[in-house]
Amino acid sequence: MSPIAIPSPETVSARVLAPLVGSVVVMHTAARTIRGTLLSCVQASAWLVVDDVDEVVPLTEVLSVSSA
């Protein structure tokens, strides 16, 4: 699957990420790159599991996401 390009934080939404729920993804933020399973996404955040650790990422921080 090709990356879902997210040009600005205003366009990030749970609807955009919903097709990737249940998949291993690579999520880029300004601060870091996260590789994990996307478990859920809601209006304000995405929930991933990375090495058995829960990560909640505010959607305003997401720059891009791709299927791993």
PDB file of N, CA and C in Angstrom:
ATOM      1  N   MET A   1       0.855  -1.177   0.000  1.00  0.00           N
ATOM      2  CA  MET A   1       0.000   0.000   0.000  1.00  0.00           C
ATOM      3  C   MET A   1       0.893   1.231   0.000  1.00  0.00           C
ATOM      4  N   SER A   2       0.545   2.214  -0.778  1.00  0.00           N
ATOM      5  CA  SER A   2       1.336   3.436  -0.833  1.00  0.00           C
ATOM      6  C   SER A   2       1.007   4.319   0.365  1.00  0.00           C
ATOM      7  N   PRO A   3       1.921   5.229   0.697  1.00  0.00           N
ATOM      8  CA  PRO A   3       1.685   6.099   1.853  1.00  0.00           C
ATOM      9  C   PRO A   3       0.428   6.940   1.687  1.00  0.00           C
ATOM     10  N   ILE A   4      -0.181   7.238   2.806  1.00  0.00           N
ATOM     11  CA  ILE A   4      -1.270   8.209   2.815  1.00  0.00           C
ATOM     12  C   ILE A   4      -0.588   9.539   3.117  1.00  0.00           C
ATOM     13  N   ALA A   5      -0.498  10.381   2.129  1.00  0.00           N
ATOM     14  CA  ALA A   5       0.167  11.668   2.309  1.00  0.00           C
ATOM     15  C   ALA A   5      -0.785  12.622   3.009  1.00  0.00           C
ATOM     16  N   ILE A   6      -0.320  13.186   4.071  1.00  0.00           N
ATOM     17  CA  ILE A   6      -1.131  14.116   4.851  1.00  0.00           C
ATOM     18  C   ILE A   6      -0.419  15.458   4.825  1.00  0.00           C
ATOM     19  N   PRO A   7      -0.840  16.370   3.953  1.00  0.00           N
ATOM     20  CA  PRO A   7      -0.112  17.606   3.750  1.00  0.00           C
ATOM     21  C   PRO A   7      -0.127  18.589   4.909  1.00  0.00           C
ATOM     22  N   SER A   8      -1.130  18.546   5.749  1.00  0.00           N
ATOM     23  CA  SER A   8      -1.166  19.465   6.885  1.00  0.00           C
ATOM     24  C   SER A   8      -2.006  18.855   7.991  1.00  0.00           C
ATOM     25  N   PRO A   9      -1.737  19.247   9.243  1.00  0.00           N
ATOM     26  CA  PRO A   9      -2.488  18.681  10.362  1.00  0.00           C
ATOM     27  C   PRO A   9      -3.996  18.859  10.239  1.00  0.00           C
ATOM     28  N   GLU A  10      -4.449  19.892   9.531  1.00  0.00           N
ATOM     29  CA  GLU A  10      -5.881  20.119   9.405  1.00  0.00           C
ATOM     30  C   GLU A  10      -6.574  18.994   8.627  1.00  0.00           C
ATOM     31  N   THR A  11      -5.830  18.251   7.815  1.00  0.00           N
ATOM     32  CA  THR A  11      -6.450  17.203   7.004  1.00  0.00           C
ATOM     33  C   THR A  11      -6.417  15.838   7.676  1.00  0.00           C
ATOM     34  N   VAL A  12      -5.728  15.710   8.792  1.00  0.00           N
ATOM     35  CA  VAL A  12      -5.663  14.430   9.495  1.00  0.00           C
ATOM     36  C   VAL A  12      -7.010  14.168  10.152  1.00  0.00           C
ATOM     37  N   SER A  13      -7.528  12.973   9.900  1.00  0.00           N
ATOM     38  CA  SER A  13      -8.790  12.619  10.526  1.00  0.00           C
ATOM     39  C   SER A  13      -8.852  11.115  10.730  1.00  0.00           C
ATOM     40  N   ALA A  14      -9.725  10.721  11.619  1.00  0.00           N
ATOM     41  CA  ALA A  14      -9.938   9.295  11.848  1.00  0.00           C
ATOM     42  C   ALA A  14     -10.445   8.644  10.565  1.00  0.00           C
ATOM     43  N   ARG A  15     -11.198   9.357   9.789  1.00  0.00           N
ATOM     44  CA  ARG A  15     -11.726   8.823   8.529  1.00  0.00           C
ATOM     45  C   ARG A  15     -10.599   8.493   7.551  1.00  0.00           C
ATOM     46  N   VAL A  16      -9.582   9.323   7.494  1.00  0.00           N
ATOM     47  CA  VAL A  16      -8.430   9.082   6.617  1.00  0.00           C
ATOM     48  C   VAL A  16      -7.657   7.850   7.078  1.00  0.00           C
ATOM     49  N   LEU A  17      -7.510   7.676   8.394  1.00  0.00           N
ATOM     50  CA  LEU A  17      -6.727   6.567   8.938  1.00  0.00           C
ATOM     51  C   LEU A  17      -7.512   5.263   9.066  1.00  0.00           C
ATOM     52  N   ALA A  18      -8.820   5.333   9.045  1.00  0.00           N
ATOM     53  CA  ALA A  18      -9.657   4.149   9.280  1.00  0.00           C
ATOM     54  C   ALA A  18      -9.301   2.934   8.415  1.00  0.00           C
ATOM     55  N   PRO A  19      -8.975   3.093   7.149  1.00  0.00           N
ATOM     56  CA  PRO A  19      -8.630   1.909   6.345  1.00  0.00           C
ATOM     57  C   PRO A  19      -7.380   1.165   6.830  1.00  0.00           C
ATOM     58  N   LEU A  20      -6.559   1.831   7.631  1.00  0.00           N
ATOM     59  CA  LEU A  20      -5.325   1.216   8.120  1.00  0.00           C
ATOM     60  C   LEU A  20      -5.470   0.547   9.489  1.00  0.00           C
ATOM     61  N   VAL A  21      -6.626   0.685  10.125  1.00  0.00           N
ATOM     62  CA  VAL A  21      -6.830   0.073  11.444  1.00  0.00           C
ATOM     63  C   VAL A  21      -6.633  -1.436  11.322  1.00  0.00           C
ATOM     64  N   GLY A  22      -5.831  -1.971  12.236  1.00  0.00           N
ATOM     65  CA  GLY A  22      -5.513  -3.397  12.233  1.00  0.00           C
ATOM     66  C   GLY A  22      -4.233  -3.714  11.490  1.00  0.00           C
ATOM     67  N   SER A  23      -3.665  -2.734  10.810  1.00  0.00           N
ATOM     68  CA  SER A  23      -2.435  -2.929  10.041  1.00  0.00           C
ATOM     69  C   SER A  23      -1.223  -2.413  10.796  1.00  0.00           C
ATOM     70  N   VAL A  24      -0.072  -2.970  10.443  1.00  0.00           N
ATOM     71  CA  VAL A  24       1.194  -2.410  10.918  1.00  0.00           C
ATOM     72  C   VAL A  24       1.482  -1.200  10.045  1.00  0.00           C
ATOM     73  N   VAL A  25       1.727  -0.070  10.687  1.00  0.00           N
ATOM     74  CA  VAL A  25       1.949   1.183   9.971  1.00  0.00           C
ATOM     75  C   VAL A  25       3.245   1.846  10.420  1.00  0.00           C
ATOM     76  N   VAL A  26       3.702   2.748   9.593  1.00  0.00           N
ATOM     77  CA  VAL A  26       4.794   3.646   9.954  1.00  0.00           C
ATOM     78  C   VAL A  26       4.191   5.041   9.979  1.00  0.00           C
ATOM     79  N   MET A  27       4.243   5.672  11.145  1.00  0.00           N
ATOM     80  CA  MET A  27       3.651   6.991  11.333  1.00  0.00           C
ATOM     81  C   MET A  27       4.767   7.981  11.630  1.00  0.00           C
ATOM     82  N   HIS A  28       4.776   9.057  10.852  1.00  0.00           N
ATOM     83  CA  HIS A  28       5.794  10.089  11.037  1.00  0.00           C
ATOM     84  C   HIS A  28       5.173  11.305  11.709  1.00  0.00           C
ATOM     85  N   THR A  29       5.858  11.788  12.741  1.00  0.00           N
ATOM     86  CA  THR A  29       5.506  13.053  13.372  1.00  0.00           C
ATOM     87  C   THR A  29       6.744  13.935  13.286  1.00  0.00           C
ATOM     88  N   ALA A  30       6.632  15.182  13.668  1.00  0.00           N
ATOM     89  CA  ALA A  30       7.796  16.064  13.643  1.00  0.00           C
ATOM     90  C   ALA A  30       8.871  15.581  14.611  1.00  0.00           C
ATOM     91  N   ALA A  31       8.460  14.923  15.681  1.00  0.00           N
ATOM     92  CA  ALA A  31       9.401  14.503  16.719  1.00  0.00           C
ATOM     93  C   ALA A  31       9.977  13.111  16.524  1.00  0.00           C
ATOM     94  N   ARG A  32       9.240  12.215  15.834  1.00  0.00           N
ATOM     95  CA  ARG A  32       9.712  10.835  15.745  1.00  0.00           C
ATOM     96  C   ARG A  32       8.969  10.050  14.673  1.00  0.00           C
ATOM     97  N   THR A  33       9.480   8.857  14.436  1.00  0.00           N
ATOM     98  CA  THR A  33       8.828   7.903  13.549  1.00  0.00           C
ATOM     99  C   THR A  33       8.415   6.713  14.399  1.00  0.00           C
ATOM    100  N   ILE A  34       7.168   6.281  14.239  1.00  0.00           N
ATOM    101  CA  ILE A  34       6.609   5.203  15.045  1.00  0.00           C
ATOM    102  C   ILE A  34       6.193   4.070  14.121  1.00  0.00           C
ATOM    103  N   ARG A  35       6.622   2.851  14.428  1.00  0.00           N
ATOM    104  CA  ARG A  35       6.188   1.674  13.675  1.00  0.00           C
ATOM    105  C   ARG A  35       5.434   0.771  14.643  1.00  0.00           C
ATOM    106  N   GLY A  36       4.172   0.517  14.346  1.00  0.00           N
ATOM    107  CA  GLY A  36       3.373  -0.328  15.215  1.00  0.00           C
ATOM    108  C   GLY A  36       2.037  -0.648  14.583  1.00  0.00           C
ATOM    109  N   THR A  37       1.220  -1.374  15.319  1.00  0.00           N
ATOM    110  CA  THR A  37      -0.111  -1.745  14.837  1.00  0.00           C
ATOM    111  C   THR A  37      -1.105  -0.662  15.222  1.00  0.00           C
ATOM    112  N   LEU A  38      -1.790  -0.134  14.235  1.00  0.00           N
ATOM    113  CA  LEU A  38      -2.820   0.877  14.475  1.00  0.00           C
ATOM    114  C   LEU A  38      -4.073   0.163  14.947  1.00  0.00           C
ATOM    115  N   LEU A  39      -4.425   0.378  16.210  1.00  0.00           N
ATOM    116  CA  LEU A  39      -5.579  -0.302  16.798  1.00  0.00           C
ATOM    117  C   LEU A  39      -6.872   0.476  16.649  1.00  0.00           C
ATOM    118  N   SER A  40      -6.763   1.789  16.710  1.00  0.00           N
ATOM    119  CA  SER A  40      -7.968   2.601  16.678  1.00  0.00           C
ATOM    120  C   SER A  40      -7.592   4.033  16.342  1.00  0.00           C
ATOM    121  N   CYS A  41      -8.555   4.760  15.818  1.00  0.00           N
ATOM    122  CA  CYS A  41      -8.374   6.191  15.643  1.00  0.00           C
ATOM    123  C   CYS A  41      -9.716   6.858  15.921  1.00  0.00           C
ATOM    124  N   VAL A  42      -9.645   7.948  16.629  1.00  0.00           N
ATOM    125  CA  VAL A  42     -10.830   8.732  16.972  1.00  0.00           C
ATOM    126  C   VAL A  42     -10.600  10.156  16.511  1.00  0.00           C
ATOM    127  N   GLN A  43     -11.505  11.021  16.803  1.00  0.00           N
ATOM    128  CA  GLN A  43     -11.446  12.392  16.303  1.00  0.00           C
ATOM    129  C   GLN A  43     -10.105  13.078  16.599  1.00  0.00           C
ATOM    130  N   ALA A  44      -9.531  12.854  17.765  1.00  0.00           N
ATOM    131  CA  ALA A  44      -8.352  13.608  18.159  1.00  0.00           C
ATOM    132  C   ALA A  44      -7.046  12.818  18.188  1.00  0.00           C
ATOM    133  N   SER A  45      -7.101  11.479  18.115  1.00  0.00           N
ATOM    134  CA  SER A  45      -5.868  10.722  18.285  1.00  0.00           C
ATOM    135  C   SER A  45      -5.913   9.358  17.607  1.00  0.00           C
ATOM    136  N   ALA A  46      -4.712   8.806  17.467  1.00  0.00           N
ATOM    137  CA  ALA A  46      -4.553   7.447  16.955  1.00  0.00           C
ATOM    138  C   ALA A  46      -3.926   6.603  18.053  1.00  0.00           C
ATOM    139  N   TRP A  47      -4.361   5.362  18.167  1.00  0.00           N
ATOM    140  CA  TRP A  47      -3.858   4.451  19.193  1.00  0.00           C
ATOM    141  C   TRP A  47      -3.103   3.338  18.488  1.00  0.00           C
ATOM    142  N   LEU A  48      -1.835   3.195  18.831  1.00  0.00           N
ATOM    143  CA  LEU A  48      -0.989   2.160  18.263  1.00  0.00           C
ATOM    144  C   LEU A  48      -0.396   1.313  19.369  1.00  0.00           C
ATOM    145  N   VAL A  49      -0.016   0.091  19.021  1.00  0.00           N
ATOM    146  CA  VAL A  49       0.756  -0.747  19.929  1.00  0.00           C
ATOM    147  C   VAL A  49       2.119  -0.937  19.294  1.00  0.00           C
ATOM    148  N   VAL A  50       3.150  -0.579  20.059  1.00  0.00           N
ATOM    149  CA  VAL A  50       4.524  -0.684  19.607  1.00  0.00           C
ATOM    150  C   VAL A  50       5.274  -1.547  20.620  1.00  0.00           C
ATOM    151  N   ASP A  51       5.695  -2.738  20.208  1.00  0.00           N
ATOM    152  CA  ASP A  51       6.416  -3.646  21.116  1.00  0.00           C
ATOM    153  C   ASP A  51       5.680  -3.832  22.438  1.00  0.00           C
ATOM    154  N   ASP A  52       4.392  -4.116  22.387  1.00  0.00           N
ATOM    155  CA  ASP A  52       3.548  -4.345  23.565  1.00  0.00           C
ATOM    156  C   ASP A  52       3.346  -3.111  24.444  1.00  0.00           C
ATOM    157  N   VAL A  53       3.635  -1.941  23.910  1.00  0.00           N
ATOM    158  CA  VAL A  53       3.423  -0.688  24.641  1.00  0.00           C
ATOM    159  C   VAL A  53       2.410   0.148  23.866  1.00  0.00           C
ATOM    160  N   ASP A  54       1.387   0.635  24.566  1.00  0.00           N
ATOM    161  CA  ASP A  54       0.383   1.495  23.944  1.00  0.00           C
ATOM    162  C   ASP A  54       0.968   2.879  23.677  1.00  0.00           C
ATOM    163  N   GLU A  55       0.680   3.404  22.505  1.00  0.00           N
ATOM    164  CA  GLU A  55       1.084   4.761  22.128  1.00  0.00           C
ATOM    165  C   GLU A  55      -0.166   5.485  21.652  1.00  0.00           C
ATOM    166  N   VAL A  56      -0.436   6.635  22.212  1.00  0.00           N
ATOM    167  CA  VAL A  56      -1.538   7.473  21.747  1.00  0.00           C
ATOM    168  C   VAL A  56      -0.907   8.724  21.145  1.00  0.00           C
ATOM    169  N   VAL A  57      -1.208   8.947  19.865  1.00  0.00           N
ATOM    170  CA  VAL A  57      -0.603  10.053  19.132  1.00  0.00           C
ATOM    171  C   VAL A  57      -1.701  11.042  18.732  1.00  0.00           C
ATOM    172  N   PRO A  58      -1.576  12.292  19.163  1.00  0.00           N
ATOM    173  CA  PRO A  58      -2.555  13.291  18.731  1.00  0.00           C
ATOM    174  C   PRO A  58      -2.499  13.438  17.204  1.00  0.00           C
ATOM    175  N   LEU A  59      -3.639  13.474  16.555  1.00  0.00           N
ATOM    176  CA  LEU A  59      -3.657  13.586  15.102  1.00  0.00           C
ATOM    177  C   LEU A  59      -3.042  14.882  14.607  1.00  0.00           C
ATOM    178  N   THR A  60      -3.016  15.894  15.433  1.00  0.00           N
ATOM    179  CA  THR A  60      -2.397  17.158  15.033  1.00  0.00           C
ATOM    180  C   THR A  60      -0.882  17.019  14.862  1.00  0.00           C
ATOM    181  N   GLU A  61      -0.292  15.938  15.394  1.00  0.00           N
ATOM    182  CA  GLU A  61       1.145  15.719  15.277  1.00  0.00           C
ATOM    183  C   GLU A  61       1.527  14.829  14.097  1.00  0.00           C
ATOM    184  N   VAL A  62       0.542  14.177  13.476  1.00  0.00           N
ATOM    185  CA  VAL A  62       0.832  13.228  12.405  1.00  0.00           C
ATOM    186  C   VAL A  62       1.131  13.952  11.103  1.00  0.00           C
ATOM    187  N   LEU A  63       2.297  13.619  10.507  1.00  0.00           N
ATOM    188  CA  LEU A  63       2.685  14.192   9.222  1.00  0.00           C
ATOM    189  C   LEU A  63       2.378  13.255   8.066  1.00  0.00           C
ATOM    190  N   SER A  64       2.620  11.962   8.264  1.00  0.00           N
ATOM    191  CA  SER A  64       2.307  10.967   7.231  1.00  0.00           C
ATOM    192  C   SER A  64       2.185   9.588   7.856  1.00  0.00           C
ATOM    193  N   VAL A  65       1.485   8.723   7.132  1.00  0.00           N
ATOM    194  CA  VAL A  65       1.290   7.343   7.582  1.00  0.00           C
ATOM    195  C   VAL A  65       1.361   6.454   6.350  1.00  0.00           C
ATOM    196  N   SER A  66       2.010   5.297   6.512  1.00  0.00           N
ATOM    197  CA  SER A  66       2.012   4.322   5.425  1.00  0.00           C
ATOM    198  C   SER A  66       1.905   2.935   6.028  1.00  0.00           C
ATOM    199  N   SER A  67       1.397   2.017   5.249  1.00  0.00           N
ATOM    200  CA  SER A  67       1.356   0.626   5.652  1.00  0.00           C
ATOM    201  C   SER A  67       2.781   0.104   5.634  1.00  0.00           C
ATOM    202  N   ALA A  68       3.154  -0.639   6.664  1.00  0.00           N
ATOM    203  CA  ALA A  68       4.543  -1.125   6.752  1.00  0.00           C
ATOM    204  C   ALA A  68       4.773  -2.334   5.877  1.00  0.00           C
TER     205      ALA A  68
END
